[in-house]
PDB file of N, CA and C in Angstrom:
ATOM      1  N   MET A   1       0.846  -1.178   0.000  1.00  0.00           N
ATOM      2  CA  MET A   1       0.000   0.000   0.000  1.00  0.00           C
ATOM      3  C   MET A   1       0.890   1.238   0.000  1.00  0.00           C
ATOM      4  N   LEU A   2       0.550   2.187  -0.873  1.00  0.00           N
ATOM      5  CA  LEU A   2       1.330   3.415  -0.974  1.00  0.00           C
ATOM      6  C   LEU A   2       0.812   4.518  -0.054  1.00  0.00           C
ATOM      7  N   ILE A   3      -0.510   4.672  -0.010  1.00  0.00           N
ATOM      8  CA  ILE A   3      -1.127   5.715   0.808  1.00  0.00           C
ATOM      9  C   ILE A   3      -2.586   5.332   1.052  1.00  0.00           C
ATOM     10  N   SER A   4      -3.147   5.842   2.119  1.00  0.00           N
ATOM     11  CA  SER A   4      -4.569   5.618   2.388  1.00  0.00           C
ATOM     12  C   SER A   4      -5.247   6.958   2.643  1.00  0.00           C
ATOM     13  N   GLN A   5      -6.552   6.983   2.439  1.00  0.00           N
ATOM     14  CA  GLN A   5      -7.353   8.185   2.653  1.00  0.00           C
ATOM     15  C   GLN A   5      -8.625   7.772   3.373  1.00  0.00           C
ATOM     16  N   GLN A   6      -8.866   8.349   4.531  1.00  0.00           N
ATOM     17  CA  GLN A   6     -10.068   8.018   5.291  1.00  0.00           C
ATOM     18  C   GLN A   6     -11.289   8.649   4.638  1.00  0.00           C
ATOM     19  N   TYR A   7     -12.406   7.899   4.637  1.00  0.00           N
ATOM     20  CA  TYR A   7     -13.671   8.437   4.152  1.00  0.00           C
ATOM     21  C   TYR A   7     -14.798   7.986   5.070  1.00  0.00           C
ATOM     22  N   ILE A   8     -15.956   8.614   4.896  1.00  0.00           N
ATOM     23  CA  ILE A   8     -17.116   8.357   5.745  1.00  0.00           C
ATOM     24  C   ILE A   8     -18.221   7.727   4.914  1.00  0.00           C
ATOM     25  N   ILE A   9     -18.842   6.706   5.475  1.00  0.00           N
ATOM     26  CA  ILE A   9     -20.043   6.108   4.888  1.00  0.00           C
ATOM     27  C   ILE A   9     -21.201   6.531   5.794  1.00  0.00           C
ATOM     28  N   ILE A  10     -22.162   7.234   5.228  1.00  0.00           N
ATOM     29  CA  ILE A  10     -23.308   7.698   6.011  1.00  0.00           C
ATOM     30  C   ILE A  10     -24.489   6.777   5.732  1.00  0.00           C
ATOM     31  N   GLU A  11     -24.980   6.145   6.783  1.00  0.00           N
ATOM     32  CA  GLU A  11     -26.144   5.257   6.666  1.00  0.00           C
ATOM     33  C   GLU A  11     -27.319   5.887   7.398  1.00  0.00           C
ATOM     34  N   ARG A  12     -28.443   5.950   6.709  1.00  0.00           N
ATOM     35  CA  ARG A  12     -29.668   6.464   7.317  1.00  0.00           C
ATOM     36  C   ARG A  12     -30.692   5.336   7.367  1.00  0.00           C
ATOM     37  N   PHE A  13     -31.439   5.275   8.468  1.00  0.00           N
ATOM     38  CA  PHE A  13     -32.456   4.243   8.612  1.00  0.00           C
ATOM     39  C   PHE A  13     -33.534   4.732   9.574  1.00  0.00           C
ATOM     40  N   ILE A  14     -34.651   4.049   9.538  1.00  0.00           N
ATOM     41  CA  ILE A  14     -35.774   4.373  10.426  1.00  0.00           C
ATOM     42  C   ILE A  14     -35.816   3.337  11.539  1.00  0.00           C
ATOM     43  N   LYS A  15     -35.866   3.835  12.781  1.00  0.00           N
ATOM     44  CA  LYS A  15     -36.011   2.952  13.943  1.00  0.00           C
ATOM     45  C   LYS A  15     -36.909   3.657  14.952  1.00  0.00           C
ATOM     46  N   ASP A  16     -37.886   2.917  15.464  1.00  0.00           N
ATOM     47  CA  ASP A  16     -38.852   3.469  16.421  1.00  0.00           C
ATOM     48  C   ASP A  16     -39.507   4.738  15.880  1.00  0.00           C
ATOM     49  N   ASN A  17     -39.823   4.704  14.574  1.00  0.00           N
ATOM     50  CA  ASN A  17     -40.512   5.795  13.897  1.00  0.00           C
ATOM     51  C   ASN A  17     -39.696   7.093  13.830  1.00  0.00           C
ATOM     52  N   CYS A  18     -38.378   6.996  13.972  1.00  0.00           N
ATOM     53  CA  CYS A  18     -37.484   8.155  13.863  1.00  0.00           C
ATOM     54  C   CYS A  18     -36.354   7.835  12.893  1.00  0.00           C
ATOM     55  N   GLN A  19     -35.966   8.833  12.134  1.00  0.00           N
ATOM     56  CA  GLN A  19     -34.828   8.631  11.239  1.00  0.00           C
ATOM     57  C   GLN A  19     -33.531   8.730  12.037  1.00  0.00           C
ATOM     58  N   ARG A  20     -32.661   7.770  11.841  1.00  0.00           N
ATOM     59  CA  ARG A  20     -31.352   7.734  12.518  1.00  0.00           C
ATOM     60  C   ARG A  20     -30.256   7.832  11.473  1.00  0.00           C
ATOM     61  N   THR A  21     -29.149   8.412  11.865  1.00  0.00           N
ATOM     62  CA  THR A  21     -27.988   8.525  10.985  1.00  0.00           C
ATOM     63  C   THR A  21     -26.772   7.970  11.702  1.00  0.00           C
ATOM     64  N   VAL A  22     -26.037   7.125  11.002  1.00  0.00           N
ATOM     65  CA  VAL A  22     -24.817   6.543  11.553  1.00  0.00           C
ATOM     66  C   VAL A  22     -23.679   6.834  10.579  1.00  0.00           C
ATOM     67  N   GLU A  23     -22.567   7.313  11.110  1.00  0.00           N
ATOM     68  CA  GLU A  23     -21.380   7.548  10.295  1.00  0.00           C
ATOM     69  C   GLU A  23     -20.365   6.446  10.562  1.00  0.00           C
ATOM     70  N   LEU A  24     -19.999   5.734   9.517  1.00  0.00           N
ATOM     71  CA  LEU A  24     -18.969   4.703   9.604  1.00  0.00           C
ATOM     72  C   LEU A  24     -17.727   5.215   8.901  1.00  0.00           C
ATOM     73  N   ARG A  25     -16.573   4.932   9.447  1.00  0.00           N
ATOM     74  CA  ARG A  25     -15.323   5.360   8.823  1.00  0.00           C
ATOM     75  C   ARG A  25     -14.621   4.168   8.192  1.00  0.00           C
ATOM     76  N   SER A  26     -14.053   4.429   7.036  1.00  0.00           N
ATOM     77  CA  SER A  26     -13.304   3.402   6.335  1.00  0.00           C
ATOM     78  C   SER A  26     -12.141   4.079   5.610  1.00  0.00           C
ATOM     79  N   GLU A  27     -11.375   3.288   4.859  1.00  0.00           N
ATOM     80  CA  GLU A  27     -10.213   3.841   4.158  1.00  0.00           C
ATOM     81  C   GLU A  27     -10.187   3.421   2.704  1.00  0.00           C
ATOM     82  N   LEU A  28      -9.772   4.361   1.869  1.00  0.00           N
ATOM     83  CA  LEU A  28      -9.393   4.045   0.501  1.00  0.00           C
ATOM     84  C   LEU A  28      -7.910   3.717   0.547  1.00  0.00           C
ATOM     85  N   LYS A  29      -7.523   2.601  -0.031  1.00  0.00           N
ATOM     86  CA  LYS A  29      -6.119   2.186  -0.016  1.00  0.00           C
ATOM     87  C   LYS A  29      -5.601   2.157  -1.445  1.00  0.00           C
ATOM     88  N   LEU A  30      -4.554   2.943  -1.690  1.00  0.00           N
ATOM     89  CA  LEU A  30      -3.960   3.031  -3.014  1.00  0.00           C
ATOM     90  C   LEU A  30      -2.746   2.119  -3.094  1.00  0.00           C
ATOM     91  N   TYR A  31      -2.801   1.192  -4.052  1.00  0.00           N
ATOM     92  CA  TYR A  31      -1.692   0.290  -4.335  1.00  0.00           C
ATOM     93  C   TYR A  31      -1.122   0.660  -5.707  1.00  0.00           C
ATOM     94  N   HIS A  32      -0.087  -0.018  -6.137  1.00  0.00           N
ATOM     95  CA  HIS A  32       0.539   0.274  -7.432  1.00  0.00           C
ATOM     96  C   HIS A  32      -0.408   0.052  -8.604  1.00  0.00           C
ATOM     97  N   ASP A  33      -1.375  -0.845  -8.463  1.00  0.00           N
ATOM     98  CA  ASP A  33      -2.230  -1.200  -9.594  1.00  0.00           C
ATOM     99  C   ASP A  33      -3.723  -1.050  -9.335  1.00  0.00           C
ATOM    100  N   ARG A  34      -4.119  -0.664  -8.107  1.00  0.00           N
ATOM    101  CA  ARG A  34      -5.541  -0.605  -7.787  1.00  0.00           C
ATOM    102  C   ARG A  34      -5.797   0.292  -6.581  1.00  0.00           C
ATOM    103  N   ILE A  35      -7.079   0.627  -6.403  1.00  0.00           N
ATOM    104  CA  ILE A  35      -7.558   1.313  -5.199  1.00  0.00           C
ATOM    105  C   ILE A  35      -8.665   0.443  -4.624  1.00  0.00           C
ATOM    106  N   VAL A  36      -8.619   0.234  -3.316  1.00  0.00           N
ATOM    107  CA  VAL A  36      -9.586  -0.625  -2.641  1.00  0.00           C
ATOM    108  C   VAL A  36     -10.346   0.195  -1.603  1.00  0.00           C
ATOM    109  N   SER A  37     -11.683   0.084  -1.651  1.00  0.00           N
ATOM    110  CA  SER A  37     -12.530   0.678  -0.614  1.00  0.00           C
ATOM    111  C   SER A  37     -13.192  -0.466   0.144  1.00  0.00           C
ATOM    112  N   LYS A  38     -14.077  -0.123   1.064  1.00  0.00           N
ATOM    113  CA  LYS A  38     -14.751  -1.162   1.846  1.00  0.00           C
ATOM    114  C   LYS A  38     -15.588  -2.081   0.963  1.00  0.00           C
ATOM    115  N   SER A  39     -16.208  -1.530  -0.075  1.00  0.00           N
ATOM    116  CA  SER A  39     -17.132  -2.338  -0.878  1.00  0.00           C
ATOM    117  C   SER A  39     -16.758  -2.459  -2.355  1.00  0.00           C
ATOM    118  N   GLU A  40     -15.728  -1.780  -2.806  1.00  0.00           N
ATOM    119  CA  GLU A  40     -15.354  -1.793  -4.223  1.00  0.00           C
ATOM    120  C   GLU A  40     -13.846  -1.907  -4.368  1.00  0.00           C
ATOM    121  N   HIS A  41     -13.430  -2.332  -5.547  1.00  0.00           N
ATOM    122  CA  HIS A  41     -12.025  -2.206  -5.910  1.00  0.00           C
ATOM    123  C   HIS A  41     -11.976  -1.662  -7.332  1.00  0.00           C
ATOM    124  N   PHE A  42     -11.002  -0.837  -7.600  1.00  0.00           N
ATOM    125  CA  PHE A  42     -10.854  -0.162  -8.882  1.00  0.00           C
ATOM    126  C   PHE A  42      -9.440  -0.409  -9.394  1.00  0.00           C
ATOM    127  N   LEU A  43      -9.326  -0.940 -10.586  1.00  0.00           N
ATOM    128  CA  LEU A  43      -8.011  -1.032 -11.207  1.00  0.00           C
ATOM    129  C   LEU A  43      -7.608   0.366 -11.652  1.00  0.00           C
ATOM    130  N   LEU A  44      -6.341   0.720 -11.483  1.00  0.00           N
ATOM    131  CA  LEU A  44      -5.896   2.047 -11.896  1.00  0.00           C
ATOM    132  C   LEU A  44      -6.141   2.274 -13.376  1.00  0.00           C
ATOM    133  N   ALA A  45      -6.042   1.218 -14.171  1.00  0.00           N
ATOM    134  CA  ALA A  45      -6.286   1.335 -15.609  1.00  0.00           C
ATOM    135  C   ALA A  45      -7.728   1.746 -15.904  1.00  0.00           C
ATOM    136  N   ASP A  46      -8.655   1.463 -14.992  1.00  0.00           N
ATOM    137  CA  ASP A  46     -10.071   1.798 -15.186  1.00  0.00           C
ATOM    138  C   ASP A  46     -10.436   3.185 -14.670  1.00  0.00           C
ATOM    139  N   ILE A  47      -9.538   3.831 -13.933  1.00  0.00           N
ATOM    140  CA  ILE A  47      -9.803   5.177 -13.412  1.00  0.00           C
ATOM    141  C   ILE A  47      -9.213   6.178 -14.393  1.00  0.00           C
ATOM    142  N   LEU A  48     -10.081   6.990 -14.998  1.00  0.00           N
ATOM    143  CA  LEU A  48      -9.650   7.959 -15.992  1.00  0.00           C
ATOM    144  C   LEU A  48      -9.089   9.215 -15.339  1.00  0.00           C
ATOM    145  N   ASP A  49      -9.711   9.636 -14.252  1.00  0.00           N
ATOM    146  CA  ASP A  49      -9.257  10.839 -13.545  1.00  0.00           C
ATOM    147  C   ASP A  49      -9.815  10.802 -12.127  1.00  0.00           C
ATOM    148  N   MET A  50      -9.307  11.707 -11.318  1.00  0.00           N
ATOM    149  CA  MET A  50      -9.730  11.823  -9.929  1.00  0.00           C
ATOM    150  C   MET A  50      -9.804  13.315  -9.617  1.00  0.00           C
ATOM    151  N   SER A  51     -10.851  13.742  -8.908  1.00  0.00           N
ATOM    152  CA  SER A  51     -10.991  15.141  -8.535  1.00  0.00           C
ATOM    153  C   SER A  51     -11.699  15.222  -7.187  1.00  0.00           C
ATOM    154  N   TYR A  52     -11.684  16.430  -6.608  1.00  0.00           N
ATOM    155  CA  TYR A  52     -12.434  16.605  -5.358  1.00  0.00           C
ATOM    156  C   TYR A  52     -13.081  17.973  -5.343  1.00  0.00           C
ATOM    157  N   LYS A  53     -14.157  18.081  -4.581  1.00  0.00           N
ATOM    158  CA  LYS A  53     -14.898  19.330  -4.462  1.00  0.00           C
ATOM    159  C   LYS A  53     -15.233  19.563  -3.001  1.00  0.00           C
ATOM    160  N   PRO A  54     -14.680  20.630  -2.400  1.00  0.00           N
ATOM    161  CA  PRO A  54     -15.040  20.938  -1.007  1.00  0.00           C
ATOM    162  C   PRO A  54     -16.476  21.463  -0.932  1.00  0.00           C
ATOM    163  N   PHE A  55     -17.177  21.101   0.131  1.00  0.00           N
ATOM    164  CA  PHE A  55     -18.520  21.652   0.331  1.00  0.00           C
ATOM    165  C   PHE A  55     -18.682  22.285   1.700  1.00  0.00           C
ATOM    166  N   SER A  56     -17.633  22.289   2.491  1.00  0.00           N
ATOM    167  CA  SER A  56     -17.589  23.047   3.742  1.00  0.00           C
ATOM    168  C   SER A  56     -16.113  23.240   4.077  1.00  0.00           C
ATOM    169  N   SER A  57     -15.844  23.909   5.166  1.00  0.00           N
ATOM    170  CA  SER A  57     -14.446  24.152   5.525  1.00  0.00           C
ATOM    171  C   SER A  57     -13.722  22.875   5.942  1.00  0.00           C
ATOM    172  N   GLU A  58     -14.472  21.850   6.305  1.00  0.00           N
ATOM    173  CA  GLU A  58     -13.854  20.621   6.812  1.00  0.00           C
ATOM    174  C   GLU A  58     -14.139  19.381   5.973  1.00  0.00           C
ATOM    175  N   GLN A  59     -15.063  19.446   5.028  1.00  0.00           N
ATOM    176  CA  GLN A  59     -15.450  18.239   4.306  1.00  0.00           C
ATOM    177  C   GLN A  59     -15.442  18.468   2.801  1.00  0.00           C
ATOM    178  N   CYS A  60     -15.259  17.365   2.072  1.00  0.00           N
ATOM    179  CA  CYS A  60     -15.276  17.431   0.613  1.00  0.00           C
ATOM    180  C   CYS A  60     -15.718  16.091   0.056  1.00  0.00           C
ATOM    181  N   LEU A  61     -15.961  16.069  -1.240  1.00  0.00           N
ATOM    182  CA  LEU A  61     -16.273  14.836  -1.949  1.00  0.00           C
ATOM    183  C   LEU A  61     -15.126  14.528  -2.898  1.00  0.00           C
ATOM    184  N   LEU A  62     -14.671  13.296  -2.883  1.00  0.00           N
ATOM    185  CA  LEU A  62     -13.654  12.808  -3.797  1.00  0.00           C
ATOM    186  C   LEU A  62     -14.371  12.027  -4.888  1.00  0.00           C
ATOM    187  N   TYR A  63     -14.040  12.316  -6.148  1.00  0.00           N
ATOM    188  CA  TYR A  63     -14.676  11.659  -7.284  1.00  0.00           C
ATOM    189  C   TYR A  63     -13.670  10.817  -8.049  1.00  0.00           C
ATOM    190  N   PHE A  64     -14.044   9.585  -8.327  1.00  0.00           N
ATOM    191  CA  PHE A  64     -13.300   8.729  -9.245  1.00  0.00           C
ATOM    192  C   PHE A  64     -14.081   8.726 -10.559  1.00  0.00           C
ATOM    193  N   HIS A  65     -13.463   9.189 -11.625  1.00  0.00           N
ATOM    194  CA  HIS A  65     -14.064   9.170 -12.956  1.00  0.00           C
ATOM    195  C   HIS A  65     -13.549   7.899 -13.628  1.00  0.00           C
ATOM    196  N   THR A  66     -14.406   6.885 -13.735  1.00  0.00           N
ATOM    197  CA  THR A  66     -13.975   5.570 -14.199  1.00  0.00           C
ATOM    198  C   THR A  66     -14.689   5.180 -15.490  1.00  0.00           C
ATOM    199  N   VAL A  67     -14.253   4.081 -16.071  1.00  0.00           N
ATOM    200  CA  VAL A  67     -14.919   3.551 -17.260  1.00  0.00           C
ATOM    201  C   VAL A  67     -16.307   3.005 -16.914  1.00  0.00           C
ATOM    202  N   ARG A  68     -16.598   2.787 -15.637  1.00  0.00           N
ATOM    203  CA  ARG A  68     -17.908   2.294 -15.182  1.00  0.00           C
ATOM    204  C   ARG A  68     -18.806   3.413 -14.671  1.00  0.00           C
ATOM    205  N   GLY A  69     -18.339   4.662 -14.707  1.00  0.00           N
ATOM    206  CA  GLY A  69     -19.116   5.795 -14.209  1.00  0.00           C
ATOM    207  C   GLY A  69     -18.331   6.555 -13.151  1.00  0.00           C
ATOM    208  N   VAL A  70     -19.005   7.485 -12.486  1.00  0.00           N
ATOM    209  CA  VAL A  70     -18.373   8.316 -11.456  1.00  0.00           C
ATOM    210  C   VAL A  70     -18.751   7.776 -10.085  1.00  0.00           C
ATOM    211  N   TYR A  71     -17.757   7.629  -9.223  1.00  0.00           N
ATOM    212  CA  TYR A  71     -17.946   7.177  -7.843  1.00  0.00           C
ATOM    213  C   TYR A  71     -17.521   8.310  -6.917  1.00  0.00           C
ATOM    214  N   SER A  72     -18.289   8.541  -5.858  1.00  0.00           N
ATOM    215  CA  SER A  72     -17.950   9.613  -4.920  1.00  0.00           C
ATOM    216  C   SER A  72     -17.721   9.053  -3.524  1.00  0.00           C
ATOM    217  N   PHE A  73     -16.848   9.746  -2.789  1.00  0.00           N
ATOM    218  CA  PHE A  73     -16.507   9.372  -1.422  1.00  0.00           C
ATOM    219  C   PHE A  73     -16.513  10.636  -0.569  1.00  0.00           C
ATOM    220  N   HIS A  74     -17.154  10.573   0.572  1.00  0.00           N
ATOM    221  CA  HIS A  74     -17.296  11.686   1.512  1.00  0.00           C
ATOM    222  C   HIS A  74     -16.051  11.718   2.411  1.00  0.00           C
ATOM    223  N   LEU A  75     -15.292  12.807   2.350  1.00  0.00           N
ATOM    224  CA  LEU A  75     -14.038  12.915   3.103  1.00  0.00           C
ATOM    225  C   LEU A  75     -14.113  14.008   4.152  1.00  0.00           C
ATOM    226  N   THR A  76     -13.288  13.866   5.177  1.00  0.00           N
ATOM    227  CA  THR A  76     -13.179  14.903   6.210  1.00  0.00           C
ATOM    228  C   THR A  76     -11.855  15.657   6.113  1.00  0.00           C
ATOM    229  N   SER A  77     -11.054  15.346   5.110  1.00  0.00           N
ATOM    230  CA  SER A  77      -9.807  16.075   4.879  1.00  0.00           C
ATOM    231  C   SER A  77      -9.535  16.115   3.378  1.00  0.00           C
ATOM    232  N   LYS A  78      -8.780  17.098   2.950  1.00  0.00           N
ATOM    233  CA  LYS A  78      -8.488  17.242   1.522  1.00  0.00           C
ATOM    234  C   LYS A  78      -7.580  16.105   1.052  1.00  0.00           C
ATOM    235  N   PRO A  79      -7.892  15.519  -0.097  1.00  0.00           N
ATOM    236  CA  PRO A  79      -7.135  14.365  -0.593  1.00  0.00           C
ATOM    237  C   PRO A  79      -5.981  14.753  -1.521  1.00  0.00           C
ATOM    238  N   ILE A  80      -5.332  15.857  -1.266  1.00  0.00           N
ATOM    239  CA  ILE A  80      -4.303  16.377  -2.177  1.00  0.00           C
ATOM    240  C   ILE A  80      -3.176  15.371  -2.390  1.00  0.00           C
ATOM    241  N   HIS A  81      -2.635  14.786  -1.341  1.00  0.00           N
ATOM    242  CA  HIS A  81      -1.528  13.830  -1.486  1.00  0.00           C
ATOM    243  C   HIS A  81      -1.987  12.535  -2.148  1.00  0.00           C
ATOM    244  N   PHE A  82      -3.189  12.095  -1.815  1.00  0.00           N
ATOM    245  CA  PHE A  82      -3.740  10.881  -2.414  1.00  0.00           C
ATOM    246  C   PHE A  82      -3.857  11.057  -3.933  1.00  0.00           C
ATOM    247  N   ILE A  83      -4.415  12.189  -4.365  1.00  0.00           N
ATOM    248  CA  ILE A  83      -4.564  12.469  -5.793  1.00  0.00           C
ATOM    249  C   ILE A  83      -3.204  12.621  -6.457  1.00  0.00           C
ATOM    250  N   LYS A  84      -2.266  13.273  -5.793  1.00  0.00           N
ATOM    251  CA  LYS A  84      -0.929  13.464  -6.356  1.00  0.00           C
ATOM    252  C   LYS A  84      -0.245  12.120  -6.628  1.00  0.00           C
ATOM    253  N   ILE A  85      -0.301  11.215  -5.675  1.00  0.00           N
ATOM    254  CA  ILE A  85       0.335   9.904  -5.862  1.00  0.00           C
ATOM    255  C   ILE A  85      -0.401   9.110  -6.942  1.00  0.00           C
ATOM    256  N   PHE A  86      -1.720   9.190  -6.974  1.00  0.00           N
ATOM    257  CA  PHE A  86      -2.483   8.533  -8.026  1.00  0.00           C
ATOM    258  C   PHE A  86      -2.040   9.031  -9.400  1.00  0.00           C
ATOM    259  N   ARG A  87      -1.946  10.342  -9.577  1.00  0.00           N
ATOM    260  CA  ARG A  87      -1.568  10.910 -10.881  1.00  0.00           C
ATOM    261  C   ARG A  87      -0.130  10.552 -11.255  1.00  0.00           C
ATOM    262  N   GLU A  88       0.753  10.490 -10.273  1.00  0.00           N
ATOM    263  CA  GLU A  88       2.129  10.065 -10.564  1.00  0.00           C
ATOM    264  C   GLU A  88       2.161   8.612 -11.065  1.00  0.00           C
ATOM    265  N   LEU A  89       1.340   7.748 -10.464  1.00  0.00           N
ATOM    266  CA  LEU A  89       1.253   6.362 -10.924  1.00  0.00           C
ATOM    267  C   LEU A  89       0.681   6.280 -12.342  1.00  0.00           C
ATOM    268  N   LYS A  90      -0.339   7.090 -12.626  1.00  0.00           N
ATOM    269  CA  LYS A  90      -0.974   7.063 -13.938  1.00  0.00           C
ATOM    270  C   LYS A  90      -0.039   7.558 -15.041  1.00  0.00           C
ATOM    271  N   THR A  91       0.798   8.552 -14.717  1.00  0.00           N
ATOM    272  CA  THR A  91       1.702   9.087 -15.736  1.00  0.00           C
ATOM    273  C   THR A  91       3.022   8.333 -15.797  1.00  0.00           C
ATOM    274  N   GLY A  92       3.248   7.428 -14.842  1.00  0.00           N
ATOM    275  CA  GLY A  92       4.456   6.618 -14.860  1.00  0.00           C
ATOM    276  C   GLY A  92       5.678   7.293 -14.272  1.00  0.00           C
ATOM    277  N   GLU A  93       5.477   8.324 -13.490  1.00  0.00           N
ATOM    278  CA  GLU A  93       6.620   9.021 -12.869  1.00  0.00           C
ATOM    279  C   GLU A  93       7.137   8.262 -11.659  1.00  0.00           C
TER     280      GLU A  93
END
């Protein structure tokens, strides 16, 4: 593993006639040939680009633009180093 990036999975459900929200934390793990999340794995060859968009001072969304569509991950920190290492791997540096 080269680098990891923590992300949040937000689950909403109804219990006792009230909506509940649970935040689970997990990690994106970047390897030389793939990225692994809790429920998906992405080959680097299938990821066309990666970007992020802040939506508050502390949180942002990380986007994987893949051959299968766009995947988003809710982050609590900017993924600048994660994206930098990903792009270096993609360009072969």
